[in-house]
Amino acid sequence: MTALMVENCPRCGRVYQKNVRNMCQDCMRQVDDEFQKCYSFLRLNRKATTEELCSATGVGIKQITLFIKDNRLPVIDYPNLTYACNSCGAPIRRHQICVPCGMRITAEVNELKEKEAKKPKGTGYYSRR
């Protein structure tokens, strides 16, 4: 006898049988409808921005961002689609953070590594000599 794999849908909270898309059938249908609205609008308005797409279709920015990140709406085909950097909120077209934030984080990590290297070794109980 096999156990049913059930979860709560992250969008609506209803119980559903677990599947590949991790949401219930109603929410999957709703997401697919939202995608079709976005795709149909972008076919006619290829150079629309994310905000214009949101206001014209009624689909939320968060869902449009997921479509872009999942490559369902490829930024190669739509030059003005962007989403916010996870660090500073600047508009970006790929990755999770913008280039300046990436450079800042890299510099901070390198600075911490240098500080760690400058610490005197052998100050603990189990130090090597």
Protein backbone atom coordinates (compact mmCIF):
# COMPACT_ATOMS: atom_id res chain seq x y z
CA MET A 1 0.00 0.00 0.00
CA THR A 2 1.42 3.37 -0.97
CA ALA A 3 0.97 6.57 0.96
CA LEU A 4 -0.51 9.61 -0.73
CA MET A 5 1.95 12.46 -0.96
CA VAL A 6 -0.12 15.51 -0.05
CA GLU A 7 0.89 19.08 0.70
CA ASN A 8 -0.69 22.48 1.11
CA CYS A 9 -0.65 24.63 -2.01
CA PRO A 10 1.75 27.58 -1.53
CA ARG A 11 -0.60 29.91 -3.43
CA CYS A 12 -4.03 29.13 -1.99
CA GLY A 13 -3.32 26.85 0.98
CA ARG A 14 -5.58 23.99 -0.13
CA VAL A 15 -4.49 20.38 0.25
CA TYR A 16 -3.45 18.74 -3.01
CA GLN A 17 -1.64 15.62 -4.20
CA LYS A 18 2.00 16.53 -4.70
CA ASN A 19 3.08 16.98 -8.32
CA VAL A 20 5.98 18.36 -10.35
CA ARG A 21 4.79 21.99 -10.30
CA ASN A 22 4.19 22.02 -6.52
CA MET A 23 0.72 23.59 -6.62
CA CYS A 24 -2.88 22.48 -6.88
CA GLN A 25 -4.70 22.03 -10.19
CA ASP A 26 -6.72 25.25 -9.82
CA CYS A 27 -3.61 27.34 -9.18
CA MET A 28 -1.78 25.65 -12.07
CA ARG A 29 -4.68 26.56 -14.34
CA GLN A 30 -4.65 30.14 -13.01
CA VAL A 31 -0.86 30.48 -13.54
CA ASP A 32 -1.19 29.10 -17.07
CA ASP A 33 -3.97 31.61 -17.80
CA GLU A 34 -1.81 34.44 -16.44
CA PHE A 35 1.06 33.29 -18.63
CA GLN A 36 -1.18 33.25 -21.71
CA LYS A 37 -2.31 36.81 -20.94
CA CYS A 38 1.31 37.95 -20.65
CA TYR A 39 2.41 36.09 -23.76
CA SER A 40 -0.49 37.40 -25.85
CA PHE A 41 0.17 40.98 -24.75
CA LEU A 42 3.91 40.69 -25.45
CA ARG A 43 3.30 39.27 -28.93
CA LEU A 44 1.63 42.56 -29.82
CA ASN A 45 3.81 44.82 -27.63
CA ARG A 46 7.28 43.30 -27.76
CA LYS A 47 9.00 46.33 -26.21
CA ALA A 48 6.69 46.64 -23.20
CA THR A 49 8.26 47.03 -19.77
CA THR A 50 7.47 44.81 -16.81
CA GLU A 51 5.31 47.54 -15.26
CA GLU A 52 3.36 48.03 -18.51
CA LEU A 53 2.84 44.27 -18.76
CA CYS A 54 1.59 44.18 -15.17
CA SER A 55 -0.89 47.03 -15.63
CA ALA A 56 -2.16 45.80 -19.01
CA THR A 57 -2.72 42.16 -18.01
CA GLY A 58 -3.46 42.41 -14.30
CA VAL A 59 -0.79 39.82 -13.55
CA GLY A 60 1.33 40.66 -10.50
CA ILE A 61 4.97 41.74 -10.73
CA LYS A 62 5.96 38.76 -8.57
CA GLN A 63 4.38 36.29 -11.01
CA ILE A 64 5.89 38.05 -14.04
CA THR A 65 9.28 37.87 -12.32
CA LEU A 66 8.81 34.12 -11.86
CA PHE A 67 7.96 33.77 -15.56
CA ILE A 68 11.18 35.62 -16.45
CA LYS A 69 13.35 33.65 -14.00
CA ASP A 70 11.85 30.34 -15.22
CA ASN A 71 12.62 31.50 -18.79
CA ARG A 72 8.97 31.19 -19.79
CA LEU A 73 9.28 34.84 -20.89
CA PRO A 74 12.85 34.98 -22.22
CA VAL A 75 14.47 38.41 -21.85
CA ILE A 76 16.28 37.79 -25.15
CA ASP A 77 12.95 38.11 -26.97
CA TYR A 78 11.61 41.00 -24.86
CA PRO A 79 14.30 43.68 -24.38
CA ASN A 80 12.53 45.79 -21.72
CA LEU A 81 11.52 43.04 -19.29
CA THR A 82 13.43 43.34 -16.01
CA TYR A 83 13.09 42.36 -12.38
CA ALA A 84 14.55 43.72 -9.14
CA CYS A 85 18.01 42.91 -7.78
CA ASN A 86 17.69 40.87 -4.57
CA SER A 87 20.14 43.19 -2.80
CA CYS A 88 19.41 46.78 -3.86
CA GLY A 89 16.27 46.56 -6.00
CA ALA A 90 17.87 47.88 -9.21
CA PRO A 91 16.35 46.55 -12.45
CA ILE A 92 18.26 43.55 -13.84
CA ARG A 93 17.71 41.07 -16.67
CA ARG A 94 19.51 37.97 -15.35
CA HIS A 95 21.02 36.41 -12.22
CA GLN A 96 19.90 37.28 -8.69
CA ILE A 97 21.92 40.42 -8.02
CA CYS A 98 23.22 43.30 -10.14
CA VAL A 99 26.90 43.72 -11.08
CA PRO A 100 27.65 46.54 -8.56
CA CYS A 101 26.17 44.50 -5.70
CA GLY A 102 28.14 41.45 -6.82
CA MET A 103 31.35 43.47 -6.87
CA ARG A 104 30.57 44.93 -3.42
CA ILE A 105 29.90 41.50 -1.92
CA THR A 106 33.07 40.09 -3.49
CA ALA A 107 35.11 42.97 -2.06
CA GLU A 108 33.59 42.41 1.39
CA VAL A 109 34.39 38.68 1.26
CA ASN A 110 37.97 39.39 0.18
CA GLU A 111 38.32 41.93 3.00
CA LEU A 112 37.09 39.36 5.54
CA LYS A 113 39.52 36.76 4.15
CA GLU A 114 42.40 39.22 4.54
CA LYS A 115 41.38 39.99 8.14
CA GLU A 116 41.18 36.27 8.88
CA ALA A 117 44.63 35.69 7.37
CA LYS A 118 46.13 38.48 9.52
CA LYS A 119 44.87 36.97 12.77
CA PRO A 120 47.65 35.37 14.82
CA LYS A 121 47.56 31.60 14.69
CA GLY A 122 48.05 29.29 17.61
CA THR A 123 46.07 31.20 20.22
CA GLY A 124 43.69 28.35 21.04
CA TYR A 125 44.04 25.26 23.17
CA TYR A 126 44.53 22.91 20.21
CA SER A 127 46.94 25.04 18.25
CA ARG A 128 49.65 23.61 16.03
CA ARG A 129 53.19 24.78 16.49
